[in-house]
Amino acid sequence: MNNDIIPTMKAILFCRVSSREQEETGYSLPSQQKLLSEYSSKKGFVTSKVFLVSESASGKKHRKTFTEMMHFIKKDKIKIIVCEKTDRLTRNLKDTQVMYDWLEEDEERQIHLVKDSLILHKNSRSQEKLNLDIRVVFAKNYVIDISSIKLYFALNFLYNSLYYLYKVQGSKNLIKKGM
């Protein structure tokens, strides 16, 4: 019988949804947690903590939770971050650099992006880092697009409302009422 002790790596799971709709569909926090737990188990990781975030990646709550996660993994000497995919972990280059800096400090540290089939570590090839960077830039662009679309619809609604008032009330009535 082999009495060798197989070292286990401690990991944290990071799950995030950015909308109520995502919470209720395939991106739900429980479905992400299940996927990441199964993945971690197959890899032989021991889950130290699960971070569950229900907030936009551009929001202050996400940034606060991301910072708490980074403090936790440094304090508890966690070697592995497991997340569903890039845009669940971050959508900004600032957090990406924080992750790169964390990886550079220890050769055993890894970030596993399960659905992206991407495992990053200190000695990752430049192509793997480029892969992550491109995914972050596209995720950031998505956030900007969503903001632009919301602004467009708000302005369009305002325009249509004013146009309707103008047509229904008549321009002279609106001017008399001070509008």
Foldseek 3Di string as FASTA:
>chain_A
DDPDDDDAAEEEEEAEAADPVCCVDCSNRVNFVVVQVVVCVVVRHHYPYYHYYYHQLVDPRVVVSLVVVLVVCVVVVHQEYEYQALRRNHQDVVSVVVVLVVQLVDQSHWYHRDNVRAIDHNPDDVVSSVVSVVVSPVSNVVVVVVVVVVVVVVVVVVVVVVVVCCVVCPPVNCVVVVD
